[in-house]
Amino acid sequence: MKVFNSKEAAEQYMSSHTLTFSTPDLTLKRFAFWLGDIVPDPDNKEETMPRLMNYIDEKDFAPAQVIDDDKYEPSGALFKTGLYGSANTDPNAETKFCSECGQKISVSAKFCTECGANQD
């Protein structure tokens, strides 16, 4: 896969240009024009190309994991305990019921995780 090595391009631009008087917007515009300049091709001196092409690298990335929408596998980031924000899996933990919908919630919960009702 071909990717743009922006860090290398930016470092080279910053090292060869004084930017002390520039605003960030002006700096970005000048950087874009600098990347678009036509320069000699390093491989073939008789040809020219945009400077941007000097910073295109061939990278080999690991294949991305395909997400199957038909099959859900929990990652472990959420716990199905009925208690919002708690990893407590103890069945003897103190709970109460929502005054609006009856959902089991933590004693310290300020809102119901099911209906959103305020638990004063």
PDB file of N, CA and C in Angstrom:
ATOM      1  N   MET A   1       0.844  -1.163   0.000  1.00  0.00           N
ATOM      2  CA  MET A   1       0.000   0.000   0.000  1.00  0.00           C
ATOM      3  C   MET A   1       0.898   1.237   0.000  1.00  0.00           C
ATOM      4  N   LYS A   2       0.530   2.209  -0.768  1.00  0.00           N
ATOM      5  CA  LYS A   2       1.297   3.451  -0.818  1.00  0.00           C
ATOM      6  C   LYS A   2       0.707   4.440   0.179  1.00  0.00           C
ATOM      7  N   VAL A   3       1.581   5.020   0.991  1.00  0.00           N
ATOM      8  CA  VAL A   3       1.165   5.991   1.998  1.00  0.00           C
ATOM      9  C   VAL A   3       2.058   7.217   1.927  1.00  0.00           C
ATOM     10  N   PHE A   4       1.507   8.355   2.350  1.00  0.00           N
ATOM     11  CA  PHE A   4       2.237   9.613   2.370  1.00  0.00           C
ATOM     12  C   PHE A   4       2.954   9.750   3.695  1.00  0.00           C
ATOM     13  N   ASN A   5       4.268   9.915   3.662  1.00  0.00           N
ATOM     14  CA  ASN A   5       5.072  10.079   4.871  1.00  0.00           C
ATOM     15  C   ASN A   5       5.097  11.567   5.224  1.00  0.00           C
ATOM     16  N   SER A   6       4.038  12.028   5.873  1.00  0.00           N
ATOM     17  CA  SER A   6       3.884  13.461   6.160  1.00  0.00           C
ATOM     18  C   SER A   6       4.913  13.956   7.170  1.00  0.00           C
ATOM     19  N   LYS A   7       5.301  13.106   8.108  1.00  0.00           N
ATOM     20  CA  LYS A   7       6.269  13.537   9.121  1.00  0.00           C
ATOM     21  C   LYS A   7       7.601  13.874   8.469  1.00  0.00           C
ATOM     22  N   GLU A   8       8.082  13.018   7.580  1.00  0.00           N
ATOM     23  CA  GLU A   8       9.359  13.271   6.905  1.00  0.00           C
ATOM     24  C   GLU A   8       9.274  14.530   6.043  1.00  0.00           C
ATOM     25  N   ALA A   9       8.155  14.689   5.319  1.00  0.00           N
ATOM     26  CA  ALA A   9       7.982  15.865   4.474  1.00  0.00           C
ATOM     27  C   ALA A   9       7.941  17.142   5.305  1.00  0.00           C
ATOM     28  N   ALA A  10       7.198  17.122   6.409  1.00  0.00           N
ATOM     29  CA  ALA A  10       7.086  18.305   7.254  1.00  0.00           C
ATOM     30  C   ALA A  10       8.426  18.668   7.888  1.00  0.00           C
ATOM     31  N   GLU A  11       9.174  17.655   8.332  1.00  0.00           N
ATOM     32  CA  GLU A  11      10.482  17.920   8.936  1.00  0.00           C
ATOM     33  C   GLU A  11      11.447  18.539   7.926  1.00  0.00           C
ATOM     34  N   GLN A  12      11.422  18.034   6.711  1.00  0.00           N
ATOM     35  CA  GLN A  12      12.310  18.599   5.694  1.00  0.00           C
ATOM     36  C   GLN A  12      11.898  20.025   5.355  1.00  0.00           C
ATOM     37  N   TYR A  13      10.592  20.276   5.245  1.00  0.00           N
ATOM     38  CA  TYR A  13      10.114  21.621   4.932  1.00  0.00           C
ATOM     39  C   TYR A  13      10.487  22.597   6.047  1.00  0.00           C
ATOM     40  N   MET A  14      10.244  22.181   7.303  1.00  0.00           N
ATOM     41  CA  MET A  14      10.518  23.067   8.436  1.00  0.00           C
ATOM     42  C   MET A  14      12.009  23.358   8.569  1.00  0.00           C
ATOM     43  N   SER A  15      12.856  22.397   8.214  1.00  0.00           N
ATOM     44  CA  SER A  15      14.298  22.614   8.354  1.00  0.00           C
ATOM     45  C   SER A  15      14.849  23.526   7.265  1.00  0.00           C
ATOM     46  N   SER A  16      14.133  23.660   6.161  1.00  0.00           N
ATOM     47  CA  SER A  16      14.655  24.465   5.062  1.00  0.00           C
ATOM     48  C   SER A  16      13.932  25.795   4.877  1.00  0.00           C
ATOM     49  N   HIS A  17      12.923  26.089   5.699  1.00  0.00           N
ATOM     50  CA  HIS A  17      12.176  27.340   5.570  1.00  0.00           C
ATOM     51  C   HIS A  17      12.015  27.995   6.925  1.00  0.00           C
ATOM     52  N   THR A  18      12.129  29.317   6.951  1.00  0.00           N
ATOM     53  CA  THR A  18      11.905  30.052   8.188  1.00  0.00           C
ATOM     54  C   THR A  18      10.418  30.347   8.307  1.00  0.00           C
ATOM     55  N   LEU A  19       9.849  30.006   9.445  1.00  0.00           N
ATOM     56  CA  LEU A  19       8.405  30.166   9.629  1.00  0.00           C
ATOM     57  C   LEU A  19       8.077  31.071  10.814  1.00  0.00           C
ATOM     58  N   THR A  20       9.043  31.807  11.296  1.00  0.00           N
ATOM     59  CA  THR A  20       8.822  32.601  12.503  1.00  0.00           C
ATOM     60  C   THR A  20       7.814  33.711  12.297  1.00  0.00           C
ATOM     61  N   PHE A  21       7.624  34.160  11.064  1.00  0.00           N
ATOM     62  CA  PHE A  21       6.706  35.264  10.803  1.00  0.00           C
ATOM     63  C   PHE A  21       5.337  34.779  10.329  1.00  0.00           C
ATOM     64  N   SER A  22       5.190  33.505  10.117  1.00  0.00           N
ATOM     65  CA  SER A  22       3.978  32.967   9.498  1.00  0.00           C
ATOM     66  C   SER A  22       2.916  32.584  10.511  1.00  0.00           C
ATOM     67  N   THR A  23       1.682  32.712  10.090  1.00  0.00           N
ATOM     68  CA  THR A  23       0.567  32.196  10.870  1.00  0.00           C
ATOM     69  C   THR A  23       0.404  30.728  10.508  1.00  0.00           C
ATOM     70  N   PRO A  24      -0.236  29.908  11.355  1.00  0.00           N
ATOM     71  CA  PRO A  24      -0.408  28.491  11.030  1.00  0.00           C
ATOM     72  C   PRO A  24      -1.117  28.269   9.694  1.00  0.00           C
ATOM     73  N   ASP A  25      -2.117  29.110   9.373  1.00  0.00           N
ATOM     74  CA  ASP A  25      -2.838  28.961   8.118  1.00  0.00           C
ATOM     75  C   ASP A  25      -1.914  29.222   6.930  1.00  0.00           C
ATOM     76  N   LEU A  26      -1.107  30.261   7.023  1.00  0.00           N
ATOM     77  CA  LEU A  26      -0.172  30.585   5.955  1.00  0.00           C
ATOM     78  C   LEU A  26       0.893  29.496   5.826  1.00  0.00           C
ATOM     79  N   THR A  27       1.362  28.976   6.970  1.00  0.00           N
ATOM     80  CA  THR A  27       2.353  27.909   6.952  1.00  0.00           C
ATOM     81  C   THR A  27       1.803  26.687   6.228  1.00  0.00           C
ATOM     82  N   LEU A  28       0.570  26.321   6.530  1.00  0.00           N
ATOM     83  CA  LEU A  28      -0.044  25.167   5.887  1.00  0.00           C
ATOM     84  C   LEU A  28      -0.188  25.376   4.382  1.00  0.00           C
ATOM     85  N   LYS A  29      -0.593  26.574   3.977  1.00  0.00           N
ATOM     86  CA  LYS A  29      -0.723  26.856   2.542  1.00  0.00           C
ATOM     87  C   LYS A  29       0.632  26.789   1.848  1.00  0.00           C
ATOM     88  N   ARG A  30       1.655  27.341   2.467  1.00  0.00           N
ATOM     89  CA  ARG A  30       2.993  27.304   1.868  1.00  0.00           C
ATOM     90  C   ARG A  30       3.514  25.872   1.792  1.00  0.00           C
ATOM     91  N   PHE A  31       3.229  25.076   2.815  1.00  0.00           N
ATOM     92  CA  PHE A  31       3.643  23.678   2.823  1.00  0.00           C
ATOM     93  C   PHE A  31       2.962  22.928   1.683  1.00  0.00           C
ATOM     94  N   ALA A  32       1.676  23.190   1.467  1.00  0.00           N
ATOM     95  CA  ALA A  32       0.946  22.532   0.374  1.00  0.00           C
ATOM     96  C   ALA A  32       1.529  22.936  -0.985  1.00  0.00           C
ATOM     97  N   PHE A  33       1.836  24.226  -1.167  1.00  0.00           N
ATOM     98  CA  PHE A  33       2.454  24.665  -2.425  1.00  0.00           C
ATOM     99  C   PHE A  33       3.836  24.037  -2.602  1.00  0.00           C
ATOM    100  N   TRP A  34       4.600  23.935  -1.509  1.00  0.00           N
ATOM    101  CA  TRP A  34       5.929  23.340  -1.556  1.00  0.00           C
ATOM    102  C   TRP A  34       5.841  21.879  -1.989  1.00  0.00           C
ATOM    103  N   LEU A  35       4.837  21.154  -1.467  1.00  0.00           N
ATOM    104  CA  LEU A  35       4.660  19.758  -1.860  1.00  0.00           C
ATOM    105  C   LEU A  35       4.276  19.630  -3.329  1.00  0.00           C
ATOM    106  N   GLY A  36       3.577  20.617  -3.849  1.00  0.00           N
ATOM    107  CA  GLY A  36       3.136  20.581  -5.236  1.00  0.00           C
ATOM    108  C   GLY A  36       4.173  21.051  -6.242  1.00  0.00           C
ATOM    109  N   ASP A  37       5.291  21.616  -5.783  1.00  0.00           N
ATOM    110  CA  ASP A  37       6.341  22.069  -6.706  1.00  0.00           C
ATOM    111  C   ASP A  37       6.822  20.927  -7.590  1.00  0.00           C
ATOM    112  N   ILE A  38       7.133  21.265  -8.834  1.00  0.00           N
ATOM    113  CA  ILE A  38       7.682  20.287  -9.766  1.00  0.00           C
ATOM    114  C   ILE A  38       9.196  20.234  -9.557  1.00  0.00           C
ATOM    115  N   VAL A  39       9.702  19.027  -9.283  1.00  0.00           N
ATOM    116  CA  VAL A  39      11.130  18.820  -9.028  1.00  0.00           C
ATOM    117  C   VAL A  39      11.636  17.701  -9.945  1.00  0.00           C
ATOM    118  N   PRO A  40      12.960  17.617 -10.144  1.00  0.00           N
ATOM    119  CA  PRO A  40      13.496  16.518 -10.957  1.00  0.00           C
ATOM    120  C   PRO A  40      13.261  15.167 -10.280  1.00  0.00           C
ATOM    121  N   ASP A  41      12.959  14.172 -11.076  1.00  0.00           N
ATOM    122  CA  ASP A  41      12.757  12.816 -10.579  1.00  0.00           C
ATOM    123  C   ASP A  41      14.111  12.261 -10.131  1.00  0.00           C
ATOM    124  N   PRO A  42      14.250  11.795  -8.876  1.00  0.00           N
ATOM    125  CA  PRO A  42      15.547  11.305  -8.415  1.00  0.00           C
ATOM    126  C   PRO A  42      16.033  10.063  -9.184  1.00  0.00           C
ATOM    127  N   ASP A  43      15.105   9.289  -9.715  1.00  0.00           N
ATOM    128  CA  ASP A  43      15.479   8.078 -10.453  1.00  0.00           C
ATOM    129  C   ASP A  43      15.819   8.370 -11.912  1.00  0.00           C
ATOM    130  N   ASN A  44      15.164   9.375 -12.484  1.00  0.00           N
ATOM    131  CA  ASN A  44      15.377   9.718 -13.893  1.00  0.00           C
ATOM    132  C   ASN A  44      15.487  11.237 -13.984  1.00  0.00           C
ATOM    133  N   LYS A  45      16.698  11.763 -14.044  1.00  0.00           N
ATOM    134  CA  LYS A  45      16.938  13.222 -13.989  1.00  0.00           C
ATOM    135  C   LYS A  45      16.314  13.984 -15.160  1.00  0.00           C
ATOM    136  N   GLU A  46      15.979  13.296 -16.226  1.00  0.00           N
ATOM    137  CA  GLU A  46      15.380  13.973 -17.380  1.00  0.00           C
ATOM    138  C   GLU A  46      13.880  14.200 -17.198  1.00  0.00           C
ATOM    139  N   GLU A  47      13.271  13.504 -16.250  1.00  0.00           N
ATOM    140  CA  GLU A  47      11.834  13.628 -15.991  1.00  0.00           C
ATOM    141  C   GLU A  47      11.603  14.510 -14.770  1.00  0.00           C
ATOM    142  N   THR A  48      10.410  15.062 -14.678  1.00  0.00           N
ATOM    143  CA  THR A  48      10.026  15.850 -13.505  1.00  0.00           C
ATOM    144  C   THR A  48       8.779  15.235 -12.865  1.00  0.00           C
ATOM    145  N   MET A  49       8.567  15.588 -11.608  1.00  0.00           N
ATOM    146  CA  MET A  49       7.395  15.086 -10.882  1.00  0.00           C
ATOM    147  C   MET A  49       7.085  16.027  -9.723  1.00  0.00           C
ATOM    148  N   PRO A  50       5.881  15.970  -9.164  1.00  0.00           N
ATOM    149  CA  PRO A  50       5.589  16.780  -7.983  1.00  0.00           C
ATOM    150  C   PRO A  50       6.431  16.303  -6.796  1.00  0.00           C
ATOM    151  N   ARG A  51       6.874  17.235  -5.978  1.00  0.00           N
ATOM    152  CA  ARG A  51       7.697  16.899  -4.817  1.00  0.00           C
ATOM    153  C   ARG A  51       6.990  15.905  -3.900  1.00  0.00           C
ATOM    154  N   LEU A  52       5.685  15.966  -3.860  1.00  0.00           N
ATOM    155  CA  LEU A  52       4.886  15.066  -3.033  1.00  0.00           C
ATOM    156  C   LEU A  52       5.248  13.603  -3.287  1.00  0.00           C
ATOM    157  N   MET A  53       5.559  13.247  -4.521  1.00  0.00           N
ATOM    158  CA  MET A  53       5.864  11.863  -4.873  1.00  0.00           C
ATOM    159  C   MET A  53       7.142  11.366  -4.193  1.00  0.00           C
ATOM    160  N   ASN A  54       8.013  12.258  -3.753  1.00  0.00           N
ATOM    161  CA  ASN A  54       9.219  11.842  -3.030  1.00  0.00           C
ATOM    162  C   ASN A  54       8.891  11.285  -1.655  1.00  0.00           C
ATOM    163  N   TYR A  55       7.722  11.595  -1.135  1.00  0.00           N
ATOM    164  CA  TYR A  55       7.350  11.191   0.215  1.00  0.00           C
ATOM    165  C   TYR A  55       6.287  10.096   0.231  1.00  0.00           C
ATOM    166  N   ILE A  56       6.066   9.459  -0.904  1.00  0.00           N
ATOM    167  CA  ILE A  56       5.140   8.340  -0.968  1.00  0.00           C
ATOM    168  C   ILE A  56       5.953   7.068  -0.754  1.00  0.00           C
ATOM    169  N   ASP A  57       5.624   6.325   0.290  1.00  0.00           N
ATOM    170  CA  ASP A  57       6.336   5.099   0.633  1.00  0.00           C
ATOM    171  C   ASP A  57       5.438   3.891   0.415  1.00  0.00           C
ATOM    172  N   GLU A  58       6.061   2.786   0.080  1.00  0.00           N
ATOM    173  CA  GLU A  58       5.340   1.515  -0.033  1.00  0.00           C
ATOM    174  C   GLU A  58       5.402   0.831   1.336  1.00  0.00           C
ATOM    175  N   LYS A  59       4.258   0.601   1.938  1.00  0.00           N
ATOM    176  CA  LYS A  59       4.183  -0.033   3.259  1.00  0.00           C
ATOM    177  C   LYS A  59       3.356  -1.305   3.160  1.00  0.00           C
ATOM    178  N   ASP A  60       3.711  -2.271   3.983  1.00  0.00           N
ATOM    179  CA  ASP A  60       2.958  -3.512   4.049  1.00  0.00           C
ATOM    180  C   ASP A  60       2.298  -3.582   5.419  1.00  0.00           C
ATOM    181  N   PHE A  61       0.979  -3.463   5.434  1.00  0.00           N
ATOM    182  CA  PHE A  61       0.239  -3.477   6.680  1.00  0.00           C
ATOM    183  C   PHE A  61      -0.430  -4.830   6.865  1.00  0.00           C
ATOM    184  N   ALA A  62      -0.619  -5.203   8.112  1.00  0.00           N
ATOM    185  CA  ALA A  62      -1.346  -6.434   8.410  1.00  0.00           C
ATOM    186  C   ALA A  62      -2.793  -6.254   7.960  1.00  0.00           C
ATOM    187  N   PRO A  63      -3.416  -7.304   7.490  1.00  0.00           N
ATOM    188  CA  PRO A  63      -4.801  -7.176   7.040  1.00  0.00           C
ATOM    189  C   PRO A  63      -5.726  -6.762   8.187  1.00  0.00           C
ATOM    190  N   ALA A  64      -6.684  -5.933   7.870  1.00  0.00           N
ATOM    191  CA  ALA A  64      -7.630  -5.459   8.876  1.00  0.00           C
ATOM    192  C   ALA A  64      -8.623  -6.564   9.202  1.00  0.00           C
ATOM    193  N   GLN A  65      -9.023  -6.613  10.467  1.00  0.00           N
ATOM    194  CA  GLN A  65      -9.990  -7.604  10.899  1.00  0.00           C
ATOM    195  C   GLN A  65     -11.360  -7.235  10.336  1.00  0.00           C
ATOM    196  N   VAL A  66     -12.007  -8.201   9.713  1.00  0.00           N
ATOM    197  CA  VAL A  66     -13.330  -7.968   9.150  1.00  0.00           C
ATOM    198  C   VAL A  66     -14.358  -8.155  10.262  1.00  0.00           C
ATOM    199  N   ILE A  67     -15.241  -7.184  10.387  1.00  0.00           N
ATOM    200  CA  ILE A  67     -16.270  -7.248  11.424  1.00  0.00           C
ATOM    201  C   ILE A  67     -17.532  -7.825  10.813  1.00  0.00           C
ATOM    202  N   ASP A  68     -18.011  -8.899  11.402  1.00  0.00           N
ATOM    203  CA  ASP A  68     -19.220  -9.557  10.929  1.00  0.00           C
ATOM    204  C   ASP A  68     -20.410  -8.978  11.685  1.00  0.00           C
ATOM    205  N   ASP A  69     -21.300  -8.295  10.972  1.00  0.00           N
ATOM    206  CA  ASP A  69     -22.451  -7.671  11.623  1.00  0.00           C
ATOM    207  C   ASP A  69     -23.492  -8.685  12.074  1.00  0.00           C
ATOM    208  N   ASP A  70     -23.439  -9.899  11.535  1.00  0.00           N
ATOM    209  CA  ASP A  70     -24.426 -10.908  11.896  1.00  0.00           C
ATOM    210  C   ASP A  70     -24.081 -11.645  13.179  1.00  0.00           C
ATOM    211  N   LYS A  71     -22.830 -11.597  13.587  1.00  0.00           N
ATOM    212  CA  LYS A  71     -22.394 -12.326  14.774  1.00  0.00           C
ATOM    213  C   LYS A  71     -21.685 -11.355  15.714  1.00  0.00           C
ATOM    214  N   TYR A  72     -22.211 -11.179  16.905  1.00  0.00           N
ATOM    215  CA  TYR A  72     -21.623 -10.267  17.877  1.00  0.00           C
ATOM    216  C   TYR A  72     -20.855 -11.063  18.923  1.00  0.00           C
ATOM    217  N   GLU A  73     -19.610 -10.700  19.129  1.00  0.00           N
ATOM    218  CA  GLU A  73     -18.801 -11.305  20.172  1.00  0.00           C
ATOM    219  C   GLU A  73     -18.366 -10.193  21.117  1.00  0.00           C
ATOM    220  N   PRO A  74     -18.786 -10.249  22.380  1.00  0.00           N
ATOM    221  CA  PRO A  74     -18.410  -9.190  23.321  1.00  0.00           C
ATOM    222  C   PRO A  74     -16.912  -9.147  23.540  1.00  0.00           C
ATOM    223  N   SER A  75     -16.381  -7.938  23.663  1.00  0.00           N
ATOM    224  CA  SER A  75     -14.944  -7.752  23.830  1.00  0.00           C
ATOM    225  C   SER A  75     -14.515  -7.827  25.286  1.00  0.00           C
ATOM    226  N   GLY A  76     -15.472  -7.771  26.194  1.00  0.00           N
ATOM    227  CA  GLY A  76     -15.145  -7.753  27.614  1.00  0.00           C
ATOM    228  C   GLY A  76     -15.103  -6.336  28.166  1.00  0.00           C
ATOM    229  N   ALA A  77     -15.310  -5.340  27.309  1.00  0.00           N
ATOM    230  CA  ALA A  77     -15.288  -3.948  27.757  1.00  0.00           C
ATOM    231  C   ALA A  77     -16.533  -3.612  28.570  1.00  0.00           C
ATOM    232  N   LEU A  78     -17.617  -4.307  28.302  1.00  0.00           N
ATOM    233  CA  LEU A  78     -18.862  -4.073  29.027  1.00  0.00           C
ATOM    234  C   LEU A  78     -19.216  -5.319  29.817  1.00  0.00           C
ATOM    235  N   PHE A  79     -19.763  -5.125  30.980  1.00  0.00           N
ATOM    236  CA  PHE A  79     -20.168  -6.241  31.815  1.00  0.00           C
ATOM    237  C   PHE A  79     -21.678  -6.275  31.879  1.00  0.00           C
ATOM    238  N   LYS A  80     -22.236  -7.417  31.686  1.00  0.00           N
ATOM    239  CA  LYS A  80     -23.690  -7.560  31.728  1.00  0.00           C
ATOM    240  C   LYS A  80     -24.094  -7.947  33.146  1.00  0.00           C
ATOM    241  N   THR A  81     -24.067  -6.984  34.050  1.00  0.00           N
ATOM    242  CA  THR A  81     -24.424  -7.250  35.438  1.00  0.00           C
ATOM    243  C   THR A  81     -25.724  -6.568  35.815  1.00  0.00           C
ATOM    244  N   GLY A  82     -26.204  -5.680  34.964  1.00  0.00           N
ATOM    245  CA  GLY A  82     -27.386  -4.914  35.319  1.00  0.00           C
ATOM    246  C   GLY A  82     -27.039  -3.688  36.146  1.00  0.00           C
ATOM    247  N   LEU A  83     -25.757  -3.531  36.484  1.00  0.00           N
ATOM    248  CA  LEU A  83     -25.319  -2.382  37.277  1.00  0.00           C
ATOM    249  C   LEU A  83     -24.455  -1.505  36.394  1.00  0.00           C
ATOM    250  N   TYR A  84     -24.872  -0.326  36.118  1.00  0.00           N
ATOM    251  CA  TYR A  84     -24.150   0.559  35.209  1.00  0.00           C
ATOM    252  C   TYR A  84     -22.830   0.998  35.805  1.00  0.00           C
ATOM    253  N   GLY A  85     -21.743   0.817  35.046  1.00  0.00           N
ATOM    254  CA  GLY A  85     -20.446   1.301  35.451  1.00  0.00           C
ATOM    255  C   GLY A  85     -19.776   0.471  36.523  1.00  0.00           C
ATOM    256  N   SER A  86     -20.252  -0.748  36.742  1.00  0.00           N
ATOM    257  CA  SER A  86     -19.658  -1.571  37.784  1.00  0.00           C
ATOM    258  C   SER A  86     -19.260  -2.915  37.213  1.00  0.00           C
ATOM    259  N   ALA A  87     -18.084  -3.387  37.602  1.00  0.00           N
ATOM    260  CA  ALA A  87     -17.630  -4.704  37.191  1.00  0.00           C
ATOM    261  C   ALA A  87     -17.970  -5.729  38.252  1.00  0.00           C
ATOM    262  N   ASN A  88     -18.735  -5.329  39.220  1.00  0.00           N
ATOM    263  CA  ASN A  88     -19.096  -6.196  40.335  1.00  0.00           C
ATOM    264  C   ASN A  88     -20.026  -7.294  39.844  1.00  0.00           C
ATOM    265  N   THR A  89     -19.580  -8.531  39.951  1.00  0.00           N
ATOM    266  CA  THR A  89     -20.417  -9.656  39.518  1.00  0.00           C
ATOM    267  C   THR A  89     -20.990 -10.408  40.708  1.00  0.00           C
ATOM    268  N   ASP A  90     -20.829  -9.876  41.907  1.00  0.00           N
ATOM    269  CA  ASP A  90     -21.344 -10.500  43.115  1.00  0.00           C
ATOM    270  C   ASP A  90     -22.870 -10.420  43.116  1.00  0.00           C
ATOM    271  N   PRO A  91     -23.563 -11.578  43.129  1.00  0.00           N
ATOM    272  CA  PRO A  91     -25.032 -11.533  43.112  1.00  0.00           C
ATOM    273  C   PRO A  91     -25.630 -10.994  44.411  1.00  0.00           C
ATOM    274  N   ASN A  92     -24.825 -10.942  45.469  1.00  0.00           N
ATOM    275  CA  ASN A  92     -25.325 -10.447  46.757  1.00  0.00           C
ATOM    276  C   ASN A  92     -25.101  -8.952  46.935  1.00  0.00           C
ATOM    277  N   ALA A  93     -24.626  -8.277  45.900  1.00  0.00           N
ATOM    278  CA  ALA A  93     -24.377  -6.837  45.994  1.00  0.00           C
ATOM    279  C   ALA A  93     -25.695  -6.093  46.201  1.00  0.00           C
ATOM    280  N   GLU A  94     -25.616  -4.964  46.890  1.00  0.00           N
ATOM    281  CA  GLU A  94     -26.823  -4.183  47.166  1.00  0.00           C
ATOM    282  C   GLU A  94     -27.372  -3.577  45.889  1.00  0.00           C
ATOM    283  N   THR A  95     -28.645  -3.785  45.651  1.00  0.00           N
ATOM    284  CA  THR A  95     -29.317  -3.234  44.469  1.00  0.00           C
ATOM    285  C   THR A  95     -30.665  -2.678  44.896  1.00  0.00           C
ATOM    286  N   LYS A  96     -31.246  -1.927  44.009  1.00  0.00           N
ATOM    287  CA  LYS A  96     -32.610  -1.435  44.184  1.00  0.00           C
ATOM    288  C   LYS A  96     -33.280  -1.481  42.818  1.00  0.00           C
ATOM    289  N   PHE A  97     -34.537  -1.144  42.774  1.00  0.00           N
ATOM    290  CA  PHE A  97     -35.275  -1.169  41.524  1.00  0.00           C
ATOM    291  C   PHE A  97     -35.659   0.246  41.121  1.00  0.00           C
ATOM    292  N   CYS A  98     -35.645   0.494  39.817  1.00  0.00           N
ATOM    293  CA  CYS A  98     -36.019   1.802  39.283  1.00  0.00           C
ATOM    294  C   CYS A  98     -37.473   2.105  39.629  1.00  0.00           C
ATOM    295  N   SER A  99     -37.739   3.329  40.035  1.00  0.00           N
ATOM    296  CA  SER A  99     -39.099   3.735  40.396  1.00  0.00           C
ATOM    297  C   SER A  99     -40.005   3.862  39.181  1.00  0.00           C
ATOM    298  N   GLU A 100     -39.429   3.965  37.981  1.00  0.00           N
ATOM    299  CA  GLU A 100     -40.233   4.124  36.770  1.00  0.00           C
ATOM    300  C   GLU A 100     -40.467   2.809  36.031  1.00  0.00           C
ATOM    301  N   CYS A 101     -39.375   2.072  35.762  1.00  0.00           N
ATOM    302  CA  CYS A 101     -39.516   0.876  34.916  1.00  0.00           C
ATOM    303  C   CYS A 101     -39.272  -0.432  35.651  1.00  0.00           C
ATOM    304  N   GLY A 102     -38.718  -0.382  36.870  1.00  0.00           N
ATOM    305  CA  GLY A 102     -38.494  -1.593  37.645  1.00  0.00           C
ATOM    306  C   GLY A 102     -37.182  -2.305  37.354  1.00  0.00           C
ATOM    307  N   GLN A 103     -36.317  -1.713  36.547  1.00  0.00           N
ATOM    308  CA  GLN A 103     -35.013  -2.309  36.220  1.00  0.00           C
ATOM    309  C   GLN A 103     -34.136  -2.358  37.469  1.00  0.00           C
ATOM    310  N   LYS A 104     -33.382  -3.451  37.626  1.00  0.00           N
ATOM    311  CA  LYS A 104     -32.469  -3.600  38.761  1.00  0.00           C
ATOM    312  C   LYS A 104     -31.279  -2.671  38.538  1.00  0.00           C
ATOM    313  N   ILE A 105     -30.992  -1.795  39.516  1.00  0.00           N
ATOM    314  CA  ILE A 105     -29.885  -0.842  39.408  1.00  0.00           C
ATOM    315  C   ILE A 105     -29.120  -0.805  40.726  1.00  0.00           C
ATOM    316  N   SER A 106     -27.969  -0.201  40.707  1.00  0.00           N
ATOM    317  CA  SER A 106     -27.140  -0.070  41.897  1.00  0.00           C
ATOM    318  C   SER A 106     -27.797   0.868  42.903  1.00  0.00           C
ATOM    319  N   VAL A 107     -27.529   0.637  44.167  1.00  0.00           N
ATOM    320  CA  VAL A 107     -28.076   1.486  45.225  1.00  0.00           C
ATOM    321  C   VAL A 107     -27.586   2.925  45.079  1.00  0.00           C
ATOM    322  N   SER A 108     -26.348   3.096  44.588  1.00  0.00           N
ATOM    323  CA  SER A 108     -25.783   4.438  44.447  1.00  0.00           C
ATOM    324  C   SER A 108     -26.096   5.088  43.102  1.00  0.00           C
ATOM    325  N   ALA A 109     -26.851   4.410  42.228  1.00  0.00           N
ATOM    326  CA  ALA A 109     -27.157   4.955  40.898  1.00  0.00           C
ATOM    327  C   ALA A 109     -28.034   6.191  41.013  1.00  0.00           C
ATOM    328  N   LYS A 110     -27.697   7.224  40.232  1.00  0.00           N
ATOM    329  CA  LYS A 110     -28.496   8.443  40.215  1.00  0.00           C
ATOM    330  C   LYS A 110     -29.525   8.421  39.096  1.00  0.00           C
ATOM    331  N   PHE A 111     -29.286   7.572  38.062  1.00  0.00           N
ATOM    332  CA  PHE A 111     -30.171   7.460  36.929  1.00  0.00           C
ATOM    333  C   PHE A 111     -30.364   5.988  36.597  1.00  0.00           C
ATOM    334  N   CYS A 112     -31.515   5.656  36.047  1.00  0.00           N
ATOM    335  CA  CYS A 112     -31.781   4.294  35.599  1.00  0.00           C
ATOM    336  C   CYS A 112     -31.080   4.066  34.265  1.00  0.00           C
ATOM    337  N   THR A 113     -30.414   2.916  34.126  1.00  0.00           N
ATOM    338  CA  THR A 113     -29.696   2.622  32.868  1.00  0.00           C
ATOM    339  C   THR A 113     -30.654   2.199  31.765  1.00  0.00           C
ATOM    340  N   GLU A 114     -31.862   1.834  32.098  1.00  0.00           N
ATOM    341  CA  GLU A 114     -32.833   1.378  31.110  1.00  0.00           C
ATOM    342  C   GLU A 114     -33.672   2.531  30.562  1.00  0.00           C
ATOM    343  N   CYS A 115     -34.299   3.284  31.475  1.00  0.00           N
ATOM    344  CA  CYS A 115     -35.224   4.340  31.035  1.00  0.00           C
ATOM    345  C   CYS A 115     -34.670   5.753  31.246  1.00  0.00           C
ATOM    346  N   GLY A 116     -33.599   5.901  32.026  1.00  0.00           N
ATOM    347  CA  GLY A 116     -32.993   7.218  32.243  1.00  0.00           C
ATOM    348  C   GLY A 116     -33.661   8.040  33.318  1.00  0.00           C
ATOM    349  N   ALA A 117     -34.591   7.457  34.045  1.00  0.00           N
ATOM    350  CA  ALA A 117     -35.305   8.200  35.081  1.00  0.00           C
ATOM    351  C   ALA A 117     -34.365   8.590  36.223  1.00  0.00           C
ATOM    352  N   ASN A 118     -34.566   9.775  36.772  1.00  0.00           N
ATOM    353  CA  ASN A 118     -33.785  10.268  37.888  1.00  0.00           C
ATOM    354  C   ASN A 118     -34.145   9.495  39.140  1.00  0.00           C
ATOM    355  N   GLN A 119     -33.146   9.007  39.883  1.00  0.00           N
ATOM    356  CA  GLN A 119     -33.383   8.209  41.090  1.00  0.00           C
ATOM    357  C   GLN A 119     -33.024   9.021  42.319  1.00  0.00           C
ATOM    358  N   ASP A 120     -33.910   9.890  42.762  1.00  0.00           N
ATOM    359  CA  ASP A 120     -33.645  10.726  43.946  1.00  0.00           C
ATOM    360  C   ASP A 120     -33.968  10.023  45.224  1.00  0.00           C
TER     361      ASP A 120
END
